[in-house]
Amino acid sequence: MTLGSNIRSYRKSKNMTQTDLAKALNVNVYSITMWENDKFEPNAGNLRALCQTFGCTAEDLLLDEPKIMIRNQYSLDRVTMIDEIISMPEEQFQRLAKYMELLKNENRQSEG
């Protein structure tokens, strides 16, 4: 399954319309439609909000393989870290995002 189909499945399992989900996430219905049709992907903040709304992890939404397969492909530390990022308070998430941007800029400068 794709991210879009996973979003649709979780939304329907919660008996939510696209309008209901859009209101819960404070986005427009067009965004929900585009995500569910795999035309666009939600940004990190919206992904976090989707996980909170659906009561799932980012892993559940993003991946279509059984978790055992994922753990063979990626280290457990990275999978755990993604779940921790998804569930952290907004203020911590924003600080982490700024730090990651700083690291990307440092990498660009060292490559250039």
N, C-alpha and C. Protein backbone atom coordinates (compact mmCIF):
# COMPACT_ATOMS: atom_id res chain seq x y z
N MET A 1 0.84 -1.19 0.00
CA MET A 1 0.00 0.00 0.00
C MET A 1 0.87 1.24 0.00
N THR A 2 0.36 2.31 -0.56
CA THR A 2 1.08 3.58 -0.61
C THR A 2 0.72 4.43 0.60
N LEU A 3 1.46 5.51 0.79
CA LEU A 3 1.14 6.44 1.86
C LEU A 3 -0.30 6.94 1.70
N GLY A 4 -0.66 7.32 0.49
CA GLY A 4 -2.01 7.83 0.24
C GLY A 4 -3.09 6.83 0.59
N SER A 5 -2.90 5.60 0.18
CA SER A 5 -3.91 4.57 0.49
C SER A 5 -3.94 4.27 1.98
N ASN A 6 -2.80 4.37 2.65
CA ASN A 6 -2.79 4.19 4.11
C ASN A 6 -3.55 5.32 4.81
N ILE A 7 -3.35 6.55 4.35
CA ILE A 7 -4.08 7.67 4.93
C ILE A 7 -5.59 7.46 4.75
N ARG A 8 -5.99 7.08 3.55
CA ARG A 8 -7.41 6.83 3.27
C ARG A 8 -7.96 5.71 4.17
N SER A 9 -7.21 4.63 4.30
CA SER A 9 -7.67 3.50 5.12
C SER A 9 -7.84 3.90 6.59
N TYR A 10 -6.85 4.61 7.13
CA TYR A 10 -6.95 5.05 8.52
C TYR A 10 -8.11 6.02 8.70
N ARG A 11 -8.27 6.94 7.74
CA ARG A 11 -9.37 7.92 7.84
C ARG A 11 -10.71 7.20 7.87
N LYS A 12 -10.89 6.26 6.96
CA LYS A 12 -12.15 5.53 6.89
C LYS A 12 -12.36 4.66 8.13
N SER A 13 -11.27 4.10 8.67
CA SER A 13 -11.41 3.27 9.88
C SER A 13 -11.86 4.10 11.08
N LYS A 14 -11.60 5.40 11.03
CA LYS A 14 -12.04 6.32 12.08
C LYS A 14 -13.39 6.95 11.75
N ASN A 15 -14.02 6.48 10.67
CA ASN A 15 -15.31 7.02 10.21
C ASN A 15 -15.26 8.53 10.00
N MET A 16 -14.15 8.98 9.41
CA MET A 16 -13.98 10.41 9.13
C MET A 16 -14.14 10.65 7.64
N THR A 17 -14.73 11.78 7.30
CA THR A 17 -14.74 12.22 5.91
C THR A 17 -13.44 12.99 5.65
N GLN A 18 -13.18 13.28 4.40
CA GLN A 18 -12.01 14.11 4.10
C GLN A 18 -12.16 15.48 4.75
N THR A 19 -13.37 15.99 4.80
CA THR A 19 -13.63 17.28 5.45
C THR A 19 -13.33 17.20 6.94
N ASP A 20 -13.75 16.12 7.59
CA ASP A 20 -13.47 15.94 9.02
C ASP A 20 -11.97 15.95 9.28
N LEU A 21 -11.24 15.19 8.46
CA LEU A 21 -9.79 15.11 8.65
C LEU A 21 -9.13 16.45 8.38
N ALA A 22 -9.57 17.14 7.35
CA ALA A 22 -9.01 18.46 7.03
C ALA A 22 -9.19 19.42 8.21
N LYS A 23 -10.37 19.40 8.80
CA LYS A 23 -10.63 20.26 9.97
C LYS A 23 -9.74 19.87 11.14
N ALA A 24 -9.59 18.59 11.38
CA ALA A 24 -8.77 18.11 12.51
C ALA A 24 -7.31 18.52 12.35
N LEU A 25 -6.84 18.59 11.10
CA LEU A 25 -5.44 18.93 10.84
C LEU A 25 -5.23 20.39 10.49
N ASN A 26 -6.34 21.13 10.38
CA ASN A 26 -6.28 22.54 10.01
C ASN A 26 -5.62 22.73 8.63
N VAL A 27 -6.05 21.88 7.69
CA VAL A 27 -5.62 22.01 6.30
C VAL A 27 -6.88 22.03 5.43
N ASN A 28 -6.72 22.29 4.14
CA ASN A 28 -7.90 22.28 3.28
C ASN A 28 -8.16 20.87 2.74
N VAL A 29 -9.37 20.63 2.29
CA VAL A 29 -9.77 19.32 1.80
C VAL A 29 -8.93 18.91 0.59
N TYR A 30 -8.55 19.90 -0.20
CA TYR A 30 -7.72 19.63 -1.38
C TYR A 30 -6.43 18.90 -0.97
N SER A 31 -5.82 19.30 0.14
CA SER A 31 -4.61 18.64 0.61
C SER A 31 -4.87 17.17 0.91
N ILE A 32 -5.96 16.89 1.59
CA ILE A 32 -6.30 15.51 1.92
C ILE A 32 -6.48 14.69 0.63
N THR A 33 -7.19 15.25 -0.33
CA THR A 33 -7.42 14.58 -1.61
C THR A 33 -6.10 14.29 -2.31
N MET A 34 -5.21 15.27 -2.35
CA MET A 34 -3.92 15.10 -3.01
C MET A 34 -3.06 14.04 -2.30
N TRP A 35 -3.09 14.05 -0.95
CA TRP A 35 -2.33 13.02 -0.20
C TRP A 35 -2.88 11.63 -0.50
N GLU A 36 -4.20 11.50 -0.44
CA GLU A 36 -4.80 10.18 -0.61
C GLU A 36 -4.64 9.65 -2.04
N ASN A 37 -4.48 10.54 -3.00
CA ASN A 37 -4.26 10.13 -4.38
C ASN A 37 -2.78 10.09 -4.76
N ASP A 38 -1.90 10.22 -3.75
CA ASP A 38 -0.46 10.17 -3.94
C ASP A 38 0.06 11.20 -4.93
N LYS A 39 -0.61 12.36 -4.95
CA LYS A 39 -0.16 13.47 -5.80
C LYS A 39 0.85 14.33 -5.04
N PHE A 40 0.64 14.47 -3.73
CA PHE A 40 1.53 15.19 -2.84
C PHE A 40 1.67 14.37 -1.56
N GLU A 41 2.70 14.68 -0.78
CA GLU A 41 2.86 14.03 0.51
C GLU A 41 2.76 15.08 1.61
N PRO A 42 2.23 14.70 2.76
CA PRO A 42 2.16 15.65 3.87
C PRO A 42 3.56 16.00 4.36
N ASN A 43 3.72 17.24 4.82
CA ASN A 43 5.02 17.62 5.39
C ASN A 43 5.16 16.96 6.76
N ALA A 44 6.31 17.13 7.39
CA ALA A 44 6.59 16.45 8.65
C ALA A 44 5.57 16.81 9.74
N GLY A 45 5.21 18.08 9.81
CA GLY A 45 4.23 18.49 10.82
C GLY A 45 2.87 17.86 10.59
N ASN A 46 2.44 17.79 9.33
CA ASN A 46 1.16 17.16 9.03
C ASN A 46 1.22 15.65 9.22
N LEU A 47 2.37 15.06 8.94
CA LEU A 47 2.54 13.62 9.18
C LEU A 47 2.39 13.32 10.67
N ARG A 48 3.00 14.17 11.49
CA ARG A 48 2.87 14.02 12.94
C ARG A 48 1.41 14.13 13.35
N ALA A 49 0.71 15.12 12.80
CA ALA A 49 -0.70 15.31 13.14
C ALA A 49 -1.56 14.13 12.68
N LEU A 50 -1.25 13.59 11.52
CA LEU A 50 -1.97 12.40 11.05
C LEU A 50 -1.80 11.24 12.02
N CYS A 51 -0.56 11.02 12.45
CA CYS A 51 -0.28 9.93 13.38
C CYS A 51 -1.02 10.13 14.70
N GLN A 52 -1.04 11.35 15.18
CA GLN A 52 -1.75 11.63 16.43
C GLN A 52 -3.25 11.44 16.26
N THR A 53 -3.79 11.87 15.14
CA THR A 53 -5.22 11.74 14.87
C THR A 53 -5.63 10.28 14.74
N PHE A 54 -4.78 9.50 14.05
CA PHE A 54 -5.12 8.11 13.80
C PHE A 54 -4.66 7.15 14.90
N GLY A 55 -3.80 7.64 15.80
CA GLY A 55 -3.28 6.78 16.85
C GLY A 55 -2.35 5.71 16.30
N CYS A 56 -1.52 6.11 15.34
CA CYS A 56 -0.59 5.17 14.73
C CYS A 56 0.81 5.78 14.73
N THR A 57 1.76 5.03 14.23
CA THR A 57 3.13 5.54 14.11
C THR A 57 3.39 5.96 12.67
N ALA A 58 4.46 6.69 12.47
CA ALA A 58 4.87 7.06 11.11
C ALA A 58 5.17 5.80 10.31
N GLU A 59 5.75 4.84 10.96
CA GLU A 59 6.06 3.57 10.30
C GLU A 59 4.78 2.95 9.74
N ASP A 60 3.71 2.97 10.52
CA ASP A 60 2.43 2.41 10.07
C ASP A 60 1.93 3.11 8.81
N LEU A 61 2.07 4.43 8.76
CA LEU A 61 1.58 5.19 7.61
C LEU A 61 2.49 5.09 6.39
N LEU A 62 3.79 5.12 6.62
CA LEU A 62 4.72 5.25 5.52
C LEU A 62 5.09 3.95 4.82
N LEU A 63 5.06 2.88 5.55
CA LEU A 63 5.60 1.65 5.01
C LEU A 63 4.54 0.60 4.77
N ASP A 64 4.74 -0.16 3.72
CA ASP A 64 3.74 -1.18 3.39
C ASP A 64 4.25 -2.59 3.64
N GLU A 65 5.42 -2.71 4.23
CA GLU A 65 5.97 -4.02 4.52
C GLU A 65 5.73 -4.35 5.99
N PRO A 66 5.69 -5.64 6.31
CA PRO A 66 5.59 -6.00 7.73
C PRO A 66 6.76 -5.43 8.52
N LYS A 67 6.52 -5.10 9.78
CA LYS A 67 7.56 -4.47 10.60
C LYS A 67 8.82 -5.31 10.68
N ILE A 68 8.70 -6.63 10.67
CA ILE A 68 9.88 -7.48 10.75
C ILE A 68 10.78 -7.26 9.54
N MET A 69 10.18 -7.03 8.36
CA MET A 69 10.95 -6.77 7.16
C MET A 69 11.65 -5.43 7.26
N ILE A 70 10.98 -4.47 7.82
CA ILE A 70 11.55 -3.13 7.97
C ILE A 70 12.76 -3.18 8.88
N ARG A 71 12.65 -3.90 9.96
CA ARG A 71 13.75 -3.96 10.92
C ARG A 71 14.95 -4.68 10.33
N ASN A 72 14.74 -5.56 9.37
CA ASN A 72 15.86 -6.18 8.69
C ASN A 72 16.53 -5.19 7.74
N GLN A 73 15.74 -4.29 7.17
CA GLN A 73 16.25 -3.34 6.19
C GLN A 73 16.88 -2.12 6.86
N TYR A 74 16.29 -1.63 7.92
CA TYR A 74 16.76 -0.44 8.62
C TYR A 74 17.10 -0.82 10.05
N SER A 75 17.99 -0.08 10.64
CA SER A 75 18.31 -0.37 12.03
C SER A 75 17.12 -0.01 12.92
N LEU A 76 16.95 -0.76 13.97
CA LEU A 76 15.87 -0.51 14.92
C LEU A 76 15.99 0.89 15.50
N ASP A 77 17.21 1.37 15.67
CA ASP A 77 17.41 2.72 16.20
C ASP A 77 16.75 3.77 15.33
N ARG A 78 16.85 3.64 14.03
CA ARG A 78 16.26 4.64 13.13
C ARG A 78 14.74 4.57 13.15
N VAL A 79 14.20 3.37 13.17
CA VAL A 79 12.74 3.22 13.23
C VAL A 79 12.22 3.81 14.53
N THR A 80 12.89 3.52 15.64
CA THR A 80 12.49 4.05 16.94
C THR A 80 12.60 5.57 16.95
N MET A 81 13.65 6.10 16.33
CA MET A 81 13.85 7.54 16.30
C MET A 81 12.71 8.23 15.54
N ILE A 82 12.28 7.64 14.45
CA ILE A 82 11.18 8.23 13.68
C ILE A 82 9.93 8.31 14.55
N ASP A 83 9.63 7.24 15.28
CA ASP A 83 8.46 7.25 16.15
C ASP A 83 8.59 8.30 17.25
N GLU A 84 9.79 8.48 17.79
CA GLU A 84 10.00 9.48 18.83
C GLU A 84 9.81 10.89 18.28
N ILE A 85 10.30 11.13 17.07
CA ILE A 85 10.14 12.44 16.45
C ILE A 85 8.66 12.74 16.23
N ILE A 86 7.93 11.75 15.76
CA ILE A 86 6.50 11.93 15.50
C ILE A 86 5.75 12.29 16.76
N SER A 87 6.14 11.71 17.89
CA SER A 87 5.37 11.92 19.12
C SER A 87 5.89 13.07 20.00
N MET A 88 6.98 13.72 19.61
CA MET A 88 7.51 14.78 20.48
C MET A 88 6.65 16.04 20.42
N PRO A 89 6.66 16.81 21.49
CA PRO A 89 5.90 18.06 21.51
C PRO A 89 6.37 19.01 20.41
N GLU A 90 5.48 19.87 19.97
CA GLU A 90 5.75 20.77 18.84
C GLU A 90 7.00 21.62 19.06
N GLU A 91 7.18 22.13 20.26
CA GLU A 91 8.34 22.99 20.53
C GLU A 91 9.64 22.22 20.33
N GLN A 92 9.71 20.99 20.82
CA GLN A 92 10.90 20.16 20.63
C GLN A 92 11.10 19.83 19.16
N PHE A 93 10.01 19.54 18.47
CA PHE A 93 10.08 19.23 17.05
C PHE A 93 10.66 20.41 16.27
N GLN A 94 10.22 21.61 16.59
CA GLN A 94 10.71 22.80 15.90
C GLN A 94 12.21 23.00 16.16
N ARG A 95 12.64 22.76 17.41
CA ARG A 95 14.08 22.87 17.72
C ARG A 95 14.88 21.83 16.94
N LEU A 96 14.35 20.62 16.85
CA LEU A 96 15.02 19.56 16.09
C LEU A 96 15.10 19.93 14.61
N ALA A 97 14.02 20.47 14.07
CA ALA A 97 14.00 20.87 12.66
C ALA A 97 15.06 21.93 12.38
N LYS A 98 15.21 22.89 13.30
CA LYS A 98 16.23 23.94 13.14
C LYS A 98 17.63 23.33 13.19
N TYR A 99 17.82 22.39 14.09
CA TYR A 99 19.13 21.74 14.21
C TYR A 99 19.45 20.95 12.95
N MET A 100 18.47 20.24 12.41
CA MET A 100 18.69 19.47 11.19
C MET A 100 19.02 20.39 10.02
N GLU A 101 18.37 21.54 9.96
CA GLU A 101 18.66 22.52 8.91
C GLU A 101 20.09 23.02 9.05
N LEU A 102 20.52 23.26 10.27
CA LEU A 102 21.89 23.68 10.53
C LEU A 102 22.89 22.63 10.05
N LEU A 103 22.61 21.37 10.34
CA LEU A 103 23.49 20.29 9.88
C LEU A 103 23.54 20.20 8.36
N LYS A 104 22.39 20.36 7.71
CA LYS A 104 22.37 20.34 6.24
C LYS A 104 23.21 21.47 5.67
N ASN A 105 23.10 22.66 6.28
CA ASN A 105 23.89 23.80 5.80
C ASN A 105 25.37 23.57 6.00
N GLU A 106 25.75 22.96 7.13
CA GLU A 106 27.16 22.65 7.37
C GLU A 106 27.68 21.65 6.32
N ASN A 107 26.86 20.67 5.99
CA ASN A 107 27.27 19.69 4.98
C ASN A 107 27.44 20.35 3.61
N ARG A 108 26.53 21.25 3.27
CA ARG A 108 26.64 21.94 1.98
C ARG A 108 27.91 22.77 1.93
N GLN A 109 28.23 23.46 3.04
CA GLN A 109 29.42 24.30 3.07
C GLN A 109 30.70 23.46 2.97
N SER A 110 30.70 22.29 3.61
CA SER A 110 31.90 21.46 3.58
C SER A 110 32.09 20.79 2.21
N GLU A 111 30.98 20.59 1.48
CA GLU A 111 31.06 20.01 0.14
C GLU A 111 31.44 21.05 -0.90
N GLY A 112 31.12 22.30 -0.64
CA GLY A 112 31.33 23.37 -1.63
C GLY A 112 32.63 24.00 -1.48
